[in-house]
Amino acid sequence: MAGAARARRNAPPREEVLVAAMDMIAERGLEKLTMAGLGREVGMSSGHLLYYFRSKDELLLQTLEWSEGRLGAERSRLLTRPGSARERLEAYVDLYVPEGHRDPHWTLWLEVWNRSQSAAADAVARERQAAIEGAWHRDLVALLAEGVSRGEFRPVDADRFAARLRALLDGFSIHVAVGLRGTGREQVIDHVREFLAESLLTPDA
């Protein structure tokens, strides 16, 4: 027990480990992220990392949750700023779509969801992933409902429209993240804007 206590005292802050993991994914790709390599980055052994995170799956999920926390704070800032609902919806879409091929957040998101399909995946971990998706959905539903109430958006069912819009965004975003030819970030955003103009925006908006 004394050795474990010393390890806890000497370990870098949890966030430092998560930041280092995200930096490694951004700089070298997810396939280069190993427990041993990450341990070297933060001055810990892979055994100590496993003591804190239990498995690589848990490390990846916590890194995703940390990254989503930062995105959530930015999303909240964008959605509560002054301006029309349409402007804030455009900001939501801009934040949602990956920056480009091998975007580190989306690379991590895809890997975590892929791992969650294994027979050994933890039901609690799946619930944590669902919580991430739920936050994006709730914010979009609230924004759509506001736009409808202000006459900027057509009188759609906000929950149903949010589900369809996010399915569209997810599909296009995966194409951007994996580098599918003909689906760059700007092309995708143009597609989404066209869809919104045809199905959601009122003529006045």
C-alpha atoms as a PDB file:
ATOM      1  CA  MET A   1       0.000   0.000   0.000  1.00  0.00           C
ATOM      2  CA  ALA A   2       2.870   2.375   0.720  1.00  0.00           C
ATOM      3  CA  GLY A   3       4.179   1.922  -2.833  1.00  0.00           C
ATOM      4  CA  ALA A   4       0.767   2.714  -4.313  1.00  0.00           C
ATOM      5  CA  ALA A   5       0.509   5.840  -2.146  1.00  0.00           C
ATOM      6  CA  ARG A   6       3.921   7.021  -3.339  1.00  0.00           C
ATOM      7  CA  ALA A   7       2.853   6.385  -6.952  1.00  0.00           C
ATOM      8  CA  ARG A   8      -0.252   8.516  -6.474  1.00  0.00           C
ATOM      9  CA  ARG A   9       1.760  11.353  -4.933  1.00  0.00           C
ATOM     10  CA  ASN A  10       4.404  11.261  -7.665  1.00  0.00           C
ATOM     11  CA  ALA A  11       2.034  10.897 -10.612  1.00  0.00           C
ATOM     12  CA  PRO A  12       1.313  13.899 -12.839  1.00  0.00           C
ATOM     13  CA  PRO A  13      -2.202  15.314 -12.609  1.00  0.00           C
ATOM     14  CA  ARG A  14      -4.785  13.182 -14.380  1.00  0.00           C
ATOM     15  CA  GLU A  15      -5.461  15.949 -16.880  1.00  0.00           C
ATOM     16  CA  GLU A  16      -1.785  16.062 -17.809  1.00  0.00           C
ATOM     17  CA  VAL A  17      -1.972  12.400 -18.812  1.00  0.00           C
ATOM     18  CA  LEU A  18      -5.113  13.008 -20.864  1.00  0.00           C
ATOM     19  CA  VAL A  19      -3.593  16.052 -22.556  1.00  0.00           C
ATOM     20  CA  ALA A  20      -0.485  14.030 -23.401  1.00  0.00           C
ATOM     21  CA  ALA A  21      -2.637  11.233 -24.835  1.00  0.00           C
ATOM     22  CA  MET A  22      -4.557  13.676 -27.020  1.00  0.00           C
ATOM     23  CA  ASP A  23      -1.328  15.336 -28.165  1.00  0.00           C
ATOM     24  CA  MET A  24       0.114  11.963 -29.149  1.00  0.00           C
ATOM     25  CA  ILE A  25      -3.009  11.134 -31.159  1.00  0.00           C
ATOM     26  CA  ALA A  26      -2.819  14.526 -32.923  1.00  0.00           C
ATOM     27  CA  GLU A  27       0.903  14.314 -33.667  1.00  0.00           C
ATOM     28  CA  ARG A  28       1.446  10.608 -34.348  1.00  0.00           C
ATOM     29  CA  GLY A  29      -1.948   9.014 -34.883  1.00  0.00           C
ATOM     30  CA  LEU A  30      -3.962   6.719 -32.656  1.00  0.00           C
ATOM     31  CA  GLU A  31      -2.048   3.647 -33.765  1.00  0.00           C
ATOM     32  CA  LYS A  32       1.111   5.096 -32.147  1.00  0.00           C
ATOM     33  CA  LEU A  33      -0.554   5.631 -28.772  1.00  0.00           C
ATOM     34  CA  THR A  34       0.641   2.861 -26.479  1.00  0.00           C
ATOM     35  CA  MET A  35       0.637   2.698 -22.716  1.00  0.00           C
ATOM     36  CA  ALA A  36       4.425   2.425 -22.719  1.00  0.00           C
ATOM     37  CA  GLY A  37       4.826   5.393 -25.059  1.00  0.00           C
ATOM     38  CA  LEU A  38       2.393   7.507 -23.084  1.00  0.00           C
ATOM     39  CA  GLY A  39       4.158   6.557 -19.885  1.00  0.00           C
ATOM     40  CA  ARG A  40       7.434   7.861 -21.304  1.00  0.00           C
ATOM     41  CA  GLU A  41       5.736  11.133 -22.214  1.00  0.00           C
ATOM     42  CA  VAL A  42       4.498  11.744 -18.666  1.00  0.00           C
ATOM     43  CA  GLY A  43       7.255  10.034 -16.700  1.00  0.00           C
ATOM     44  CA  MET A  44       5.220   7.018 -15.568  1.00  0.00           C
ATOM     45  CA  SER A  45       5.523   3.314 -16.194  1.00  0.00           C
ATOM     46  CA  SER A  46       2.839   1.565 -18.207  1.00  0.00           C
ATOM     47  CA  GLY A  47       2.048  -0.368 -15.023  1.00  0.00           C
ATOM     48  CA  HIS A  48       1.317   2.867 -13.161  1.00  0.00           C
ATOM     49  CA  LEU A  49      -0.913   4.040 -15.998  1.00  0.00           C
ATOM     50  CA  LEU A  50      -2.831   0.780 -15.835  1.00  0.00           C
ATOM     51  CA  TYR A  51      -3.160   1.257 -12.075  1.00  0.00           C
ATOM     52  CA  TYR A  52      -4.964   4.554 -12.682  1.00  0.00           C
ATOM     53  CA  PHE A  53      -6.904   3.746 -15.836  1.00  0.00           C
ATOM     54  CA  ARG A  54      -7.304  -0.080 -15.561  1.00  0.00           C
ATOM     55  CA  SER A  55      -7.095  -0.583 -19.335  1.00  0.00           C
ATOM     56  CA  LYS A  56      -6.337   1.196 -22.572  1.00  0.00           C
ATOM     57  CA  ASP A  57     -10.062   1.263 -23.308  1.00  0.00           C
ATOM     58  CA  GLU A  58     -10.665   3.236 -20.117  1.00  0.00           C
ATOM     59  CA  LEU A  59      -7.779   5.585 -20.908  1.00  0.00           C
ATOM     60  CA  LEU A  60      -9.246   6.287 -24.342  1.00  0.00           C
ATOM     61  CA  LEU A  61     -12.736   6.842 -22.946  1.00  0.00           C
ATOM     62  CA  GLN A  62     -11.485   9.231 -20.267  1.00  0.00           C
ATOM     63  CA  THR A  63      -9.463  11.094 -22.902  1.00  0.00           C
ATOM     64  CA  LEU A  64     -12.594  11.384 -25.037  1.00  0.00           C
ATOM     65  CA  GLU A  65     -14.598  12.623 -22.041  1.00  0.00           C
ATOM     66  CA  TRP A  66     -11.924  15.222 -21.312  1.00  0.00           C
ATOM     67  CA  SER A  67     -11.905  16.378 -24.936  1.00  0.00           C
ATOM     68  CA  GLU A  68     -15.711  16.485 -24.963  1.00  0.00           C
ATOM     69  CA  GLY A  69     -15.644  18.575 -21.805  1.00  0.00           C
ATOM     70  CA  ARG A  70     -13.608  21.205 -23.605  1.00  0.00           C
ATOM     71  CA  LEU A  71     -15.910  21.068 -26.628  1.00  0.00           C
ATOM     72  CA  GLY A  72     -18.933  21.277 -24.347  1.00  0.00           C
ATOM     73  CA  ALA A  73     -17.623  24.461 -22.753  1.00  0.00           C
ATOM     74  CA  GLU A  74     -17.025  25.977 -26.187  1.00  0.00           C
ATOM     75  CA  ARG A  75     -20.457  24.839 -27.365  1.00  0.00           C
ATOM     76  CA  SER A  76     -22.084  26.457 -24.345  1.00  0.00           C
ATOM     77  CA  ARG A  77     -20.245  29.698 -25.042  1.00  0.00           C
ATOM     78  CA  LEU A  78     -21.339  29.702 -28.681  1.00  0.00           C
ATOM     79  CA  LEU A  79     -24.964  28.838 -27.973  1.00  0.00           C
ATOM     80  CA  THR A  80     -25.447  31.439 -25.243  1.00  0.00           C
ATOM     81  CA  ARG A  81     -23.878  34.370 -27.058  1.00  0.00           C
ATOM     82  CA  PRO A  82     -26.059  37.131 -28.501  1.00  0.00           C
ATOM     83  CA  GLY A  83     -27.329  36.677 -32.026  1.00  0.00           C
ATOM     84  CA  SER A  84     -29.938  34.893 -34.048  1.00  0.00           C
ATOM     85  CA  ALA A  85     -30.734  31.210 -33.659  1.00  0.00           C
ATOM     86  CA  ARG A  86     -29.565  30.722 -37.232  1.00  0.00           C
ATOM     87  CA  GLU A  87     -26.137  32.182 -36.460  1.00  0.00           C
ATOM     88  CA  ARG A  88     -25.789  29.998 -33.415  1.00  0.00           C
ATOM     89  CA  LEU A  89     -26.886  26.919 -35.378  1.00  0.00           C
ATOM     90  CA  GLU A  90     -24.158  27.661 -37.909  1.00  0.00           C
ATOM     91  CA  ALA A  91     -21.669  27.869 -35.023  1.00  0.00           C
ATOM     92  CA  TYR A  92     -22.928  24.509 -33.709  1.00  0.00           C
ATOM     93  CA  VAL A  93     -22.396  22.894 -37.117  1.00  0.00           C
ATOM     94  CA  ASP A  94     -18.940  24.480 -37.440  1.00  0.00           C
ATOM     95  CA  LEU A  95     -17.934  23.066 -34.059  1.00  0.00           C
ATOM     96  CA  TYR A  96     -19.400  19.630 -34.834  1.00  0.00           C
ATOM     97  CA  VAL A  97     -17.680  18.956 -38.160  1.00  0.00           C
ATOM     98  CA  PRO A  98     -14.044  17.727 -37.957  1.00  0.00           C
ATOM     99  CA  GLU A  99     -11.222  20.079 -38.831  1.00  0.00           C
ATOM    100  CA  GLY A 100     -10.078  17.630 -41.486  1.00  0.00           C
ATOM    101  CA  HIS A 101      -8.669  14.181 -42.194  1.00  0.00           C
ATOM    102  CA  ARG A 102      -7.456  12.446 -39.005  1.00  0.00           C
ATOM    103  CA  ASP A 103      -8.942  15.101 -36.758  1.00  0.00           C
ATOM    104  CA  PRO A 104      -7.727  13.815 -33.347  1.00  0.00           C
ATOM    105  CA  HIS A 105     -11.044  14.185 -31.525  1.00  0.00           C
ATOM    106  CA  TRP A 106     -12.990  12.379 -34.217  1.00  0.00           C
ATOM    107  CA  THR A 107     -10.255   9.732 -34.591  1.00  0.00           C
ATOM    108  CA  LEU A 108     -10.587   9.053 -30.878  1.00  0.00           C
ATOM    109  CA  TRP A 109     -14.414   9.126 -31.006  1.00  0.00           C
ATOM    110  CA  LEU A 110     -14.452   6.520 -33.782  1.00  0.00           C
ATOM    111  CA  GLU A 111     -12.014   4.270 -31.936  1.00  0.00           C
ATOM    112  CA  VAL A 112     -13.919   4.411 -28.652  1.00  0.00           C
ATOM    113  CA  TRP A 113     -17.221   3.584 -30.363  1.00  0.00           C
ATOM    114  CA  ASN A 114     -15.575   0.762 -32.300  1.00  0.00           C
ATOM    115  CA  ARG A 115     -14.159  -0.742 -29.095  1.00  0.00           C
ATOM    116  CA  SER A 116     -17.542  -0.451 -27.375  1.00  0.00           C
ATOM    117  CA  GLN A 117     -18.971  -3.024 -29.794  1.00  0.00           C
ATOM    118  CA  SER A 118     -16.802  -5.858 -28.434  1.00  0.00           C
ATOM    119  CA  ALA A 119     -18.357  -8.540 -26.256  1.00  0.00           C
ATOM    120  CA  ALA A 120     -16.140  -7.461 -23.358  1.00  0.00           C
ATOM    121  CA  ALA A 121     -17.271  -3.829 -23.457  1.00  0.00           C
ATOM    122  CA  ASP A 122     -18.602  -2.440 -20.186  1.00  0.00           C
ATOM    123  CA  ALA A 123     -22.272  -1.382 -20.077  1.00  0.00           C
ATOM    124  CA  VAL A 124     -21.286   1.539 -17.850  1.00  0.00           C
ATOM    125  CA  ALA A 125     -18.768   2.667 -20.454  1.00  0.00           C
ATOM    126  CA  ARG A 126     -21.489   2.566 -23.098  1.00  0.00           C
ATOM    127  CA  GLU A 127     -23.662   4.734 -20.867  1.00  0.00           C
ATOM    128  CA  ARG A 128     -20.822   7.249 -20.544  1.00  0.00           C
ATOM    129  CA  GLN A 129     -20.530   7.381 -24.312  1.00  0.00           C
ATOM    130  CA  ALA A 130     -24.286   7.857 -24.619  1.00  0.00           C
ATOM    131  CA  ALA A 131     -24.047  10.753 -22.154  1.00  0.00           C
ATOM    132  CA  ILE A 132     -21.624  12.482 -24.511  1.00  0.00           C
ATOM    133  CA  GLU A 133     -24.065  12.133 -27.399  1.00  0.00           C
ATOM    134  CA  GLY A 134     -26.954  13.198 -25.213  1.00  0.00           C
ATOM    135  CA  ALA A 135     -25.335  16.532 -24.377  1.00  0.00           C
ATOM    136  CA  TRP A 136     -24.936  17.422 -28.052  1.00  0.00           C
ATOM    137  CA  HIS A 137     -28.518  16.370 -28.722  1.00  0.00           C
ATOM    138  CA  ARG A 138     -30.079  18.313 -25.843  1.00  0.00           C
ATOM    139  CA  ASP A 139     -28.269  21.512 -26.796  1.00  0.00           C
ATOM    140  CA  LEU A 140     -29.397  21.181 -30.404  1.00  0.00           C
ATOM    141  CA  VAL A 141     -33.020  20.479 -29.418  1.00  0.00           C
ATOM    142  CA  ALA A 142     -33.071  23.591 -27.209  1.00  0.00           C
ATOM    143  CA  LEU A 143     -31.613  25.731 -29.987  1.00  0.00           C
ATOM    144  CA  LEU A 144     -34.090  24.430 -32.566  1.00  0.00           C
ATOM    145  CA  ALA A 145     -37.019  24.999 -30.216  1.00  0.00           C
ATOM    146  CA  GLU A 146     -35.856  28.565 -29.631  1.00  0.00           C
ATOM    147  CA  GLY A 147     -35.540  29.211 -33.358  1.00  0.00           C
ATOM    148  CA  VAL A 148     -39.034  27.856 -33.953  1.00  0.00           C
ATOM    149  CA  SER A 149     -40.488  30.023 -31.184  1.00  0.00           C
ATOM    150  CA  ARG A 150     -38.815  33.124 -32.661  1.00  0.00           C
ATOM    151  CA  GLY A 151     -40.054  32.400 -36.168  1.00  0.00           C
ATOM    152  CA  GLU A 152     -36.568  31.865 -37.572  1.00  0.00           C
ATOM    153  CA  PHE A 153     -37.159  28.143 -38.140  1.00  0.00           C
ATOM    154  CA  ARG A 154     -40.136  26.311 -39.546  1.00  0.00           C
ATOM    155  CA  PRO A 155     -42.465  24.665 -36.996  1.00  0.00           C
ATOM    156  CA  VAL A 156     -40.578  21.358 -36.848  1.00  0.00           C
ATOM    157  CA  ASP A 157     -40.535  18.798 -34.053  1.00  0.00           C
ATOM    158  CA  ALA A 158     -37.246  19.877 -32.444  1.00  0.00           C
ATOM    159  CA  ASP A 159     -36.329  16.445 -31.069  1.00  0.00           C
ATOM    160  CA  ARG A 160     -37.001  14.577 -34.318  1.00  0.00           C
ATOM    161  CA  PHE A 161     -35.288  17.201 -36.456  1.00  0.00           C
ATOM    162  CA  ALA A 162     -32.252  17.200 -34.130  1.00  0.00           C
ATOM    163  CA  ALA A 163     -31.961  13.413 -34.477  1.00  0.00           C
ATOM    164  CA  ARG A 164     -32.013  13.664 -38.271  1.00  0.00           C
ATOM    165  CA  LEU A 165     -29.613  16.596 -38.415  1.00  0.00           C
ATOM    166  CA  ARG A 166     -27.118  14.882 -36.122  1.00  0.00           C
ATOM    167  CA  ALA A 167     -27.317  11.702 -38.209  1.00  0.00           C
ATOM    168  CA  LEU A 168     -26.465  13.815 -41.252  1.00  0.00           C
ATOM    169  CA  LEU A 169     -23.628  15.529 -39.395  1.00  0.00           C
ATOM    170  CA  ASP A 170     -22.256  12.234 -38.092  1.00  0.00           C
ATOM    171  CA  GLY A 171     -22.251  10.647 -41.533  1.00  0.00           C
ATOM    172  CA  PHE A 172     -20.544  13.573 -43.189  1.00  0.00           C
ATOM    173  CA  SER A 173     -18.126  14.011 -40.277  1.00  0.00           C
ATOM    174  CA  ILE A 174     -16.972  10.405 -40.500  1.00  0.00           C
ATOM    175  CA  HIS A 175     -16.289  10.956 -44.204  1.00  0.00           C
ATOM    176  CA  VAL A 176     -14.168  14.006 -43.365  1.00  0.00           C
ATOM    177  CA  ALA A 177     -12.315  12.263 -40.540  1.00  0.00           C
ATOM    178  CA  VAL A 178     -11.375   9.213 -42.629  1.00  0.00           C
ATOM    179  CA  GLY A 179     -10.455  11.350 -45.631  1.00  0.00           C
ATOM    180  CA  LEU A 180     -13.097  10.126 -48.062  1.00  0.00           C
ATOM    181  CA  ARG A 181     -12.450  11.788 -51.399  1.00  0.00           C
ATOM    182  CA  GLY A 182     -14.841  14.600 -52.292  1.00  0.00           C
ATOM    183  CA  THR A 183     -15.989  15.238 -48.732  1.00  0.00           C
ATOM    184  CA  GLY A 184     -13.707  17.905 -47.338  1.00  0.00           C
ATOM    185  CA  ARG A 185     -14.777  20.069 -44.430  1.00  0.00           C
ATOM    186  CA  GLU A 186     -15.940  23.022 -46.536  1.00  0.00           C
ATOM    187  CA  GLN A 187     -17.877  20.788 -48.918  1.00  0.00           C
ATOM    188  CA  VAL A 188     -19.641  19.150 -45.990  1.00  0.00           C
ATOM    189  CA  ILE A 189     -20.562  22.455 -44.377  1.00  0.00           C
ATOM    190  CA  ASP A 190     -21.974  23.632 -47.718  1.00  0.00           C
ATOM    191  CA  HIS A 191     -24.114  20.473 -47.924  1.00  0.00           C
ATOM    192  CA  VAL A 192     -25.425  21.015 -44.402  1.00  0.00           C
ATOM    193  CA  ARG A 193     -26.212  24.684 -45.050  1.00  0.00           C
ATOM    194  CA  GLU A 194     -28.144  23.712 -48.164  1.00  0.00           C
ATOM    195  CA  PHE A 195     -30.080  21.074 -46.218  1.00  0.00           C
ATOM    196  CA  LEU A 196     -30.948  23.581 -43.483  1.00  0.00           C
ATOM    197  CA  ALA A 197     -32.033  26.202 -45.998  1.00  0.00           C
ATOM    198  CA  GLU A 198     -34.357  23.713 -47.691  1.00  0.00           C
ATOM    199  CA  SER A 199     -35.817  22.056 -44.616  1.00  0.00           C
ATOM    200  CA  LEU A 200     -35.580  24.402 -41.629  1.00  0.00           C
ATOM    201  CA  LEU A 201     -35.048  28.112 -42.306  1.00  0.00           C
ATOM    202  CA  THR A 202     -38.014  30.370 -42.881  1.00  0.00           C
ATOM    203  CA  PRO A 203     -37.888  32.728 -45.917  1.00  0.00           C
ATOM    204  CA  ASP A 204     -37.331  35.722 -43.627  1.00  0.00           C
ATOM    205  CA  ALA A 205     -34.356  34.020 -41.964  1.00  0.00           C
END
